[in-house]
Amino acid sequence: MHLLQPREHPSRLMKWLSPVIAIGLTLIAGLILFRCLGYAPLKTLYLFFISPLTSMYGWSELVVKASPLILIALGLSIGFRAKLFNIGAEGQLTMGAIFGGGVAVLCYGHEGLWTLPLMLVMGALGGAVWGAIPALLKTVFNAEETLTTLMLNYVASFVLLYLINGPWRDPNGMNFPQSVMFSDQSLLPLMNDATRINVSVFLTLFLVIVFWLFIKKSMQAFKLEVSGQAPDAAKYAGFSAKKTVWFSLVLSGMMAGLAGICEVAGPIGQLNPNLSPGYGYAAIIVAYLGRLNPIGIVLSAFLMALIYLGGEMAQMQLQLPVAIAGVFQGLLLMFLLAADAFIENQYRFKKKKSPASILSMQG
């Protein structure tokens, strides 16, 4: 029978080429998919991946969608390095939007220069608090963080729905579940009136540099790496496992919360049920596709943003369901995991022993 056995020395070059292989296989699968759906494969693929980049507005929208993905994936990459699998970025994004957006709602009509900075701080705090809950459950009760972070996504969405259907509903919103539109002093300034790009892109760029320096120069990053790859060695060296859990989950929550408040204080401009098209889940793919490296995360975030844009374009022009973007995201993740599996492991043929041979060996 065939068995996957770990390679003694996996190719470092192939590890970096793995995302390229996954992207190529995803495109091939896309061609087959469109053919099966009855569409011209090359024309549809052009519409999906090239057409959004043929205008300046398309490029601007690419930046708008890539920015929150970068912020969330940067935070997730820290936990993933320590083998802590935070699946709750979507909920942490939502809580960041609630904490930060709540400032704009509650202070409506009394805004000042302090409003926007306070919103950003509260947004980061909201995400951090939502990341601290699974950290507490993990360190005190040894609860699996994959499950607790995932379940908290639903709790966060219910909290949002309660607020915008109840105490924070816009009284002039024709009974729609949404808050008031934020005032100008509660919105991130636009870079250009012709696009939706706002000044949060500078914050994103700054944090990419900060995370790159942290990973390359910080002792804490080394501790995270050791804790993930060799837990026994980390324990022998005196690295605190509990501190690793708290640091990773709170930091990733803070980054997701920051992405949430940048969305509601930016392109959205209010609290409503559609804060995110699934950025918290897509950022998991972005982090792994970027090899948990800040520069790689930037590149993979732009690819993921292009998939979102292509899905919208295909929906408008070909009446394809909006879920087609999720299909491409799933294909990309599947091929990435498969490529990584074959790079880390190799097939070995192992002859299955007969019962007679086993008995003779025991004899």
Protein backbone atom coordinates (compact mmCIF):
# COMPACT_ATOMS: atom_id res chain seq x y z
CA MET A 1 0.00 0.00 0.00
CA HIS A 2 1.03 3.63 -0.44
CA LEU A 3 1.88 5.76 2.58
CA LEU A 4 2.87 9.40 3.02
CA GLN A 5 6.13 9.57 4.92
CA PRO A 6 7.86 12.79 6.08
CA ARG A 7 10.87 13.86 4.02
CA GLU A 8 14.10 14.23 5.93
CA HIS A 9 15.00 17.47 4.13
CA PRO A 10 12.01 19.16 2.42
CA SER A 11 13.07 21.53 -0.36
CA ARG A 12 13.09 25.13 0.84
CA LEU A 13 12.68 26.33 -2.75
CA MET A 14 9.61 24.16 -3.25
CA LYS A 15 8.07 25.51 -0.06
CA TRP A 16 8.15 29.00 -1.58
CA LEU A 17 7.01 27.70 -4.98
CA SER A 18 4.06 25.90 -3.37
CA PRO A 19 1.75 28.98 -3.58
CA VAL A 20 2.65 29.43 -7.26
CA ILE A 21 1.78 25.78 -7.94
CA ALA A 22 -1.50 26.19 -6.04
CA ILE A 23 -2.42 29.31 -8.03
CA GLY A 24 -1.66 27.55 -11.32
CA LEU A 25 -3.78 24.51 -10.40
CA THR A 26 -6.60 26.83 -9.26
CA LEU A 27 -6.63 28.54 -12.65
CA ILE A 28 -6.73 25.18 -14.44
CA ALA A 29 -9.60 24.04 -12.20
CA GLY A 30 -11.34 27.35 -12.96
CA LEU A 31 -11.13 26.69 -16.68
CA ILE A 32 -12.69 23.26 -16.21
CA LEU A 33 -15.36 24.67 -13.90
CA PHE A 34 -16.42 27.40 -16.33
CA ARG A 35 -16.51 24.90 -19.19
CA CYS A 36 -18.80 22.63 -17.17
CA LEU A 37 -21.07 25.59 -16.38
CA GLY A 38 -21.41 26.35 -20.06
CA TYR A 39 -19.27 29.50 -20.23
CA ALA A 40 -16.32 30.23 -22.51
CA PRO A 41 -13.44 29.33 -20.14
CA LEU A 42 -10.76 31.77 -21.32
CA LYS A 43 -13.20 34.66 -21.71
CA THR A 44 -14.68 34.06 -18.26
CA LEU A 45 -11.27 33.71 -16.65
CA TYR A 46 -10.22 36.99 -18.31
CA LEU A 47 -13.33 38.66 -16.91
CA PHE A 48 -12.56 37.23 -13.49
CA PHE A 49 -8.85 37.99 -13.14
CA ILE A 50 -7.87 40.58 -15.78
CA SER A 51 -10.89 42.77 -16.44
CA PRO A 52 -10.97 44.29 -12.90
CA LEU A 53 -7.42 45.59 -13.46
CA THR A 54 -8.13 47.43 -16.71
CA SER A 55 -9.24 50.65 -14.97
CA MET A 56 -7.89 52.88 -12.22
CA TYR A 57 -11.12 52.40 -10.29
CA GLY A 58 -10.53 48.64 -10.37
CA TRP A 59 -7.03 49.09 -8.97
CA SER A 60 -8.36 51.39 -6.25
CA GLU A 61 -10.96 48.81 -5.25
CA LEU A 62 -8.21 46.21 -5.14
CA VAL A 63 -6.40 48.32 -2.52
CA VAL A 64 -9.64 48.87 -0.57
CA LYS A 65 -10.30 45.11 -0.34
CA ALA A 66 -6.68 44.08 0.22
CA SER A 67 -6.11 46.40 3.18
CA PRO A 68 -8.34 44.61 5.75
CA LEU A 69 -7.09 41.23 4.53
CA ILE A 70 -3.49 42.32 5.16
CA LEU A 71 -4.26 43.60 8.66
CA ILE A 72 -6.08 40.43 9.70
CA ALA A 73 -3.56 38.04 8.09
CA LEU A 74 -0.63 39.80 9.80
CA GLY A 75 -2.21 39.11 13.19
CA LEU A 76 -3.17 35.54 12.35
CA SER A 77 0.34 34.76 11.11
CA ILE A 78 1.76 35.35 14.58
CA GLY A 79 -0.49 32.72 16.15
CA PHE A 80 0.01 30.31 13.26
CA ARG A 81 3.76 30.46 13.84
CA ALA A 82 3.12 29.22 17.37
CA LYS A 83 0.69 26.56 16.07
CA LEU A 84 -2.28 28.42 17.57
CA PHE A 85 -5.11 28.26 15.07
CA ASN A 86 -7.34 31.29 15.48
CA ILE A 87 -10.44 30.82 13.30
CA GLY A 88 -12.25 33.72 14.97
CA ALA A 89 -10.97 36.72 13.04
CA GLU A 90 -14.42 37.32 11.56
CA GLY A 91 -15.91 37.74 15.03
CA GLN A 92 -12.96 39.83 16.19
CA LEU A 93 -13.43 42.09 13.15
CA THR A 94 -17.11 42.45 14.06
CA MET A 95 -16.37 43.33 17.67
CA GLY A 96 -13.77 45.87 16.56
CA ALA A 97 -16.43 47.47 14.38
CA ILE A 98 -18.91 47.45 17.30
CA PHE A 99 -16.49 48.95 19.85
CA GLY A 100 -15.15 51.58 17.47
CA GLY A 101 -18.43 52.24 15.66
CA GLY A 102 -20.16 52.56 19.01
CA VAL A 103 -18.12 55.69 19.68
CA ALA A 104 -19.47 57.27 16.47
CA VAL A 105 -23.04 56.24 17.30
CA LEU A 106 -23.06 57.28 20.95
CA CYS A 107 -21.24 60.56 20.32
CA TYR A 108 -23.30 61.45 17.26
CA GLY A 109 -23.73 65.23 17.11
CA HIS A 110 -20.94 65.83 19.65
CA GLU A 111 -17.90 64.79 17.60
CA GLY A 112 -14.51 66.46 17.70
CA LEU A 113 -10.92 65.91 16.68
CA TRP A 114 -10.73 63.22 19.36
CA THR A 115 -13.50 61.07 17.85
CA LEU A 116 -11.62 59.24 15.09
CA PRO A 117 -8.50 58.40 17.18
CA LEU A 118 -10.77 57.10 19.96
CA MET A 119 -12.68 54.99 17.44
CA LEU A 120 -9.44 53.37 16.21
CA VAL A 121 -8.28 52.66 19.77
CA MET A 122 -11.65 51.21 20.76
CA GLY A 123 -11.78 49.13 17.57
CA ALA A 124 -8.41 47.55 18.35
CA LEU A 125 -9.51 47.05 21.97
CA GLY A 126 -12.74 45.33 20.90
CA GLY A 127 -10.88 42.83 18.78
CA ALA A 128 -8.31 42.26 21.53
CA VAL A 129 -11.06 41.56 24.10
CA TRP A 130 -12.67 39.03 21.74
CA GLY A 131 -9.27 37.39 21.25
CA ALA A 132 -8.65 37.33 25.01
CA ILE A 133 -11.71 35.16 25.68
CA PRO A 134 -10.37 32.04 23.88
CA ALA A 135 -6.93 32.79 25.37
CA LEU A 136 -8.48 32.63 28.85
CA LEU A 137 -10.38 29.44 28.02
CA LYS A 138 -7.21 27.88 26.58
CA THR A 139 -4.90 28.71 29.49
CA VAL A 140 -7.37 28.02 32.31
CA PHE A 141 -9.54 25.18 30.98
CA ASN A 142 -7.33 23.90 28.13
CA ALA A 143 -10.23 24.50 25.70
CA GLU A 144 -9.36 24.01 22.03
CA GLU A 145 -8.86 27.49 20.53
CA THR A 146 -9.98 26.38 17.06
CA LEU A 147 -13.46 25.62 18.38
CA THR A 148 -13.83 28.54 20.81
CA THR A 149 -12.68 31.18 18.32
CA LEU A 150 -15.00 29.78 15.66
CA MET A 151 -18.05 29.76 17.96
CA LEU A 152 -17.36 33.34 19.08
CA ASN A 153 -17.82 34.45 15.47
CA TYR A 154 -21.52 33.67 15.78
CA VAL A 155 -21.79 35.34 19.17
CA ALA A 156 -20.28 38.54 17.75
CA SER A 157 -22.70 38.54 14.81
CA PHE A 158 -25.67 38.15 17.19
CA VAL A 159 -24.41 41.05 19.33
CA LEU A 160 -24.19 43.22 16.20
CA LEU A 161 -27.70 42.22 15.07
CA TYR A 162 -29.12 43.00 18.51
CA LEU A 163 -27.57 46.48 18.55
CA ILE A 164 -28.56 47.55 15.05
CA ASN A 165 -32.06 46.12 15.44
CA GLY A 166 -32.43 47.68 18.89
CA PRO A 167 -30.69 50.49 20.76
CA TRP A 168 -28.41 51.60 17.92
CA ARG A 169 -30.92 51.44 15.06
CA ASP A 170 -31.13 54.59 12.94
CA PRO A 171 -34.54 56.17 13.77
CA ASN A 172 -34.64 57.61 10.26
CA GLY A 173 -33.45 54.45 8.54
CA MET A 174 -36.90 53.28 7.35
CA ASN A 175 -36.76 50.38 9.82
CA PHE A 176 -33.65 48.83 8.21
CA PRO A 177 -31.20 47.12 10.63
CA GLN A 178 -28.44 49.74 10.51
CA SER A 179 -26.97 52.54 12.58
CA VAL A 180 -26.90 56.19 11.63
CA MET A 181 -24.44 57.16 8.92
CA PHE A 182 -21.26 58.37 10.62
CA SER A 183 -20.48 62.07 10.49
CA ASP A 184 -17.47 63.38 8.56
CA GLN A 185 -15.43 63.66 11.76
CA SER A 186 -16.00 59.95 12.40
CA LEU A 187 -14.83 58.86 8.94
CA LEU A 188 -11.31 58.17 7.71
CA PRO A 189 -10.34 60.89 5.19
CA LEU A 190 -10.33 59.82 1.55
CA MET A 191 -7.11 59.92 -0.46
CA ASN A 192 -9.00 60.94 -3.58
CA ASP A 193 -12.65 61.84 -4.10
CA ALA A 194 -12.77 59.63 -7.22
CA THR A 195 -12.00 56.44 -5.25
CA ARG A 196 -12.82 54.82 -1.89
CA ILE A 197 -9.19 54.60 -0.77
CA ASN A 198 -8.70 56.26 2.62
CA VAL A 199 -5.75 57.03 4.89
CA SER A 200 -5.98 53.62 6.57
CA VAL A 201 -3.71 52.32 3.78
CA PHE A 202 -0.84 54.20 5.45
CA LEU A 203 -1.64 52.45 8.73
CA THR A 204 -1.64 49.11 6.91
CA LEU A 205 1.71 49.86 5.25
CA PHE A 206 3.20 50.95 8.58
CA LEU A 207 2.05 47.76 10.30
CA VAL A 208 3.47 45.58 7.51
CA ILE A 209 6.89 47.15 8.22
CA VAL A 210 6.41 46.74 11.99
CA PHE A 211 5.52 43.06 11.66
CA TRP A 212 8.41 42.43 9.27
CA LEU A 213 10.86 43.94 11.80
CA PHE A 214 9.19 42.00 14.62
CA ILE A 215 9.60 38.68 12.83
CA LYS A 216 13.18 39.37 11.72
CA LYS A 217 14.57 41.05 14.83
CA SER A 218 12.40 40.21 17.84
CA MET A 219 13.23 37.63 20.49
CA GLN A 220 9.50 37.18 21.05
CA ALA A 221 9.08 36.03 17.45
CA PHE A 222 11.83 33.44 18.02
CA LYS A 223 10.00 32.20 21.12
CA LEU A 224 6.78 31.85 19.13
CA GLU A 225 8.58 29.89 16.42
CA VAL A 226 10.19 27.52 18.92
CA SER A 227 6.94 27.07 20.83
CA GLY A 228 5.20 26.03 17.63
CA GLN A 229 7.86 23.76 16.17
CA ALA A 230 9.39 22.26 19.31
CA PRO A 231 7.13 22.62 22.38
CA ASP A 232 9.37 20.44 24.54
CA ALA A 233 12.44 22.51 23.68
CA ALA A 234 10.50 25.70 24.40
CA LYS A 235 9.47 24.37 27.79
CA TYR A 236 13.06 23.31 28.55
CA ALA A 237 14.27 26.80 27.58
CA GLY A 238 11.81 28.40 30.00
CA PHE A 239 9.45 29.90 27.40
CA SER A 240 6.00 30.36 28.89
CA ALA A 241 3.31 28.53 26.92
CA LYS A 242 0.57 30.62 28.54
CA LYS A 243 2.24 33.89 27.58
CA THR A 244 2.51 32.62 24.01
CA VAL A 245 -1.22 31.88 23.92
CA TRP A 246 -2.18 35.27 25.35
CA PHE A 247 0.21 37.22 23.14
CA SER A 248 -0.84 35.44 19.94
CA LEU A 249 -4.61 35.50 20.39
CA VAL A 250 -4.83 39.03 21.79
CA LEU A 251 -2.56 40.44 19.09
CA SER A 252 -4.42 38.70 16.27
CA GLY A 253 -7.71 39.90 17.76
CA MET A 254 -6.43 43.46 17.95
CA MET A 255 -5.40 43.42 14.29
CA ALA A 256 -8.77 42.02 13.20
CA GLY A 257 -10.56 44.61 15.33
CA LEU A 258 -8.49 47.35 13.71
CA ALA A 259 -9.54 46.04 10.30
CA GLY A 260 -13.17 46.12 11.45
CA ILE A 261 -13.15 49.74 12.55
CA CYS A 262 -11.25 50.78 9.40
CA GLU A 263 -14.06 49.21 7.37
CA VAL A 264 -16.96 50.91 9.16
CA ALA A 265 -15.11 54.24 9.42
CA GLY A 266 -14.05 53.90 5.80
CA PRO A 267 -15.91 52.33 2.86
CA ILE A 268 -19.06 51.36 4.82
CA GLY A 269 -19.61 54.48 6.94
CA GLN A 270 -22.06 52.87 9.40
CA LEU A 271 -22.83 49.68 11.29
CA ASN A 272 -24.93 47.19 9.32
CA PRO A 273 -25.22 43.39 9.04
CA ASN A 274 -22.89 43.23 6.01
CA LEU A 275 -19.64 44.46 7.55
CA SER A 276 -17.50 41.82 5.89
CA PRO A 277 -17.80 39.48 2.89
CA GLY A 278 -15.83 36.92 4.89
CA TYR A 279 -12.51 38.74 5.32
CA GLY A 280 -11.82 36.93 8.59
CA TYR A 281 -11.95 33.51 6.92
CA ALA A 282 -10.24 34.58 3.69
CA ALA A 283 -7.36 36.02 5.71
CA ILE A 284 -6.51 32.50 6.90
CA ILE A 285 -5.80 31.56 3.28
CA VAL A 286 -3.93 34.85 2.79
CA ALA A 287 -1.65 34.12 5.77
CA TYR A 288 -0.76 30.61 4.59
CA LEU A 289 -0.48 31.57 0.94
CA GLY A 290 1.94 34.32 2.00
CA ARG A 291 3.99 31.77 3.96
CA LEU A 292 3.32 33.72 7.21
CA ASN A 293 5.70 36.39 5.91
CA PRO A 294 4.52 40.05 5.87
CA ILE A 295 5.70 40.65 2.30
CA GLY A 296 4.14 37.40 1.10
CA ILE A 297 0.93 38.33 2.93
CA VAL A 298 0.72 41.61 1.01
CA LEU A 299 1.03 39.80 -2.32
CA SER A 300 -1.46 37.07 -1.43
CA ALA A 301 -3.92 39.67 -0.04
CA PHE A 302 -3.97 41.41 -3.42
CA LEU A 303 -4.66 38.07 -5.11
CA MET A 304 -7.52 37.37 -2.70
CA ALA A 305 -8.89 40.88 -3.24
CA LEU A 306 -8.76 40.23 -6.99
CA ILE A 307 -10.85 37.08 -6.48
CA TYR A 308 -13.45 39.15 -4.62
CA LEU A 309 -13.48 41.74 -7.41
CA GLY A 310 -13.65 39.06 -10.10
CA GLY A 311 -16.56 37.41 -8.34
CA GLU A 312 -18.47 40.72 -8.32
CA MET A 313 -17.65 41.28 -12.00
CA ALA A 314 -18.81 37.77 -12.95
CA GLN A 315 -22.01 38.24 -10.97
CA MET A 316 -22.85 41.52 -12.73
CA GLN A 317 -21.92 40.55 -16.29
CA LEU A 318 -22.52 36.79 -16.42
CA GLN A 319 -25.11 36.37 -13.66
CA LEU A 320 -22.87 33.85 -11.95
CA PRO A 321 -23.67 33.43 -8.24
CA VAL A 322 -21.58 35.56 -5.88
CA ALA A 323 -20.49 32.30 -4.20
CA ILE A 324 -18.14 31.72 -7.16
CA ALA A 325 -15.53 33.80 -5.32
CA GLY A 326 -15.77 31.41 -2.38
CA VAL A 327 -15.32 28.47 -4.75
CA PHE A 328 -12.03 29.91 -6.00
CA GLN A 329 -10.91 30.60 -2.43
CA GLY A 330 -11.68 27.00 -1.50
CA LEU A 331 -9.86 25.63 -4.54
CA LEU A 332 -6.83 27.78 -3.74
CA LEU A 333 -6.70 26.55 -0.16
CA MET A 334 -7.18 22.91 -1.20
CA PHE A 335 -4.38 23.01 -3.76
CA LEU A 336 -2.10 24.88 -1.36
CA LEU A 337 -2.57 22.26 1.37
CA ALA A 338 -2.08 19.45 -1.17
CA ALA A 339 1.12 21.01 -2.54
CA ASP A 340 2.47 21.50 0.98
CA ALA A 341 1.63 17.90 1.88
CA PHE A 342 3.62 16.51 -1.07
CA ILE A 343 6.53 18.87 -0.41
CA GLU A 344 6.73 17.91 3.26
CA ASN A 345 6.07 14.22 2.61
CA GLN A 346 6.67 11.62 -0.06
CA TYR A 347 4.84 8.52 -1.20
CA ARG A 348 6.44 5.25 -0.25
CA PHE A 349 5.19 1.84 -1.35
CA LYS A 350 4.87 -0.47 1.61
CA LYS A 351 4.04 -4.10 0.97
CA LYS A 352 1.17 -5.30 3.10
CA LYS A 353 2.17 -8.34 5.12
CA SER A 354 -0.03 -11.42 5.05
CA PRO A 355 -1.35 -12.91 8.32
CA ALA A 356 0.80 -16.02 7.77
CA SER A 357 4.02 -13.99 7.50
CA ILE A 358 3.09 -12.05 10.65
CA LEU A 359 2.52 -15.33 12.57
CA SER A 360 5.80 -16.76 11.33
CA MET A 361 7.68 -13.66 12.49
CA GLN A 362 6.06 -13.88 15.91
CA GLY A 363 6.99 -17.57 16.08
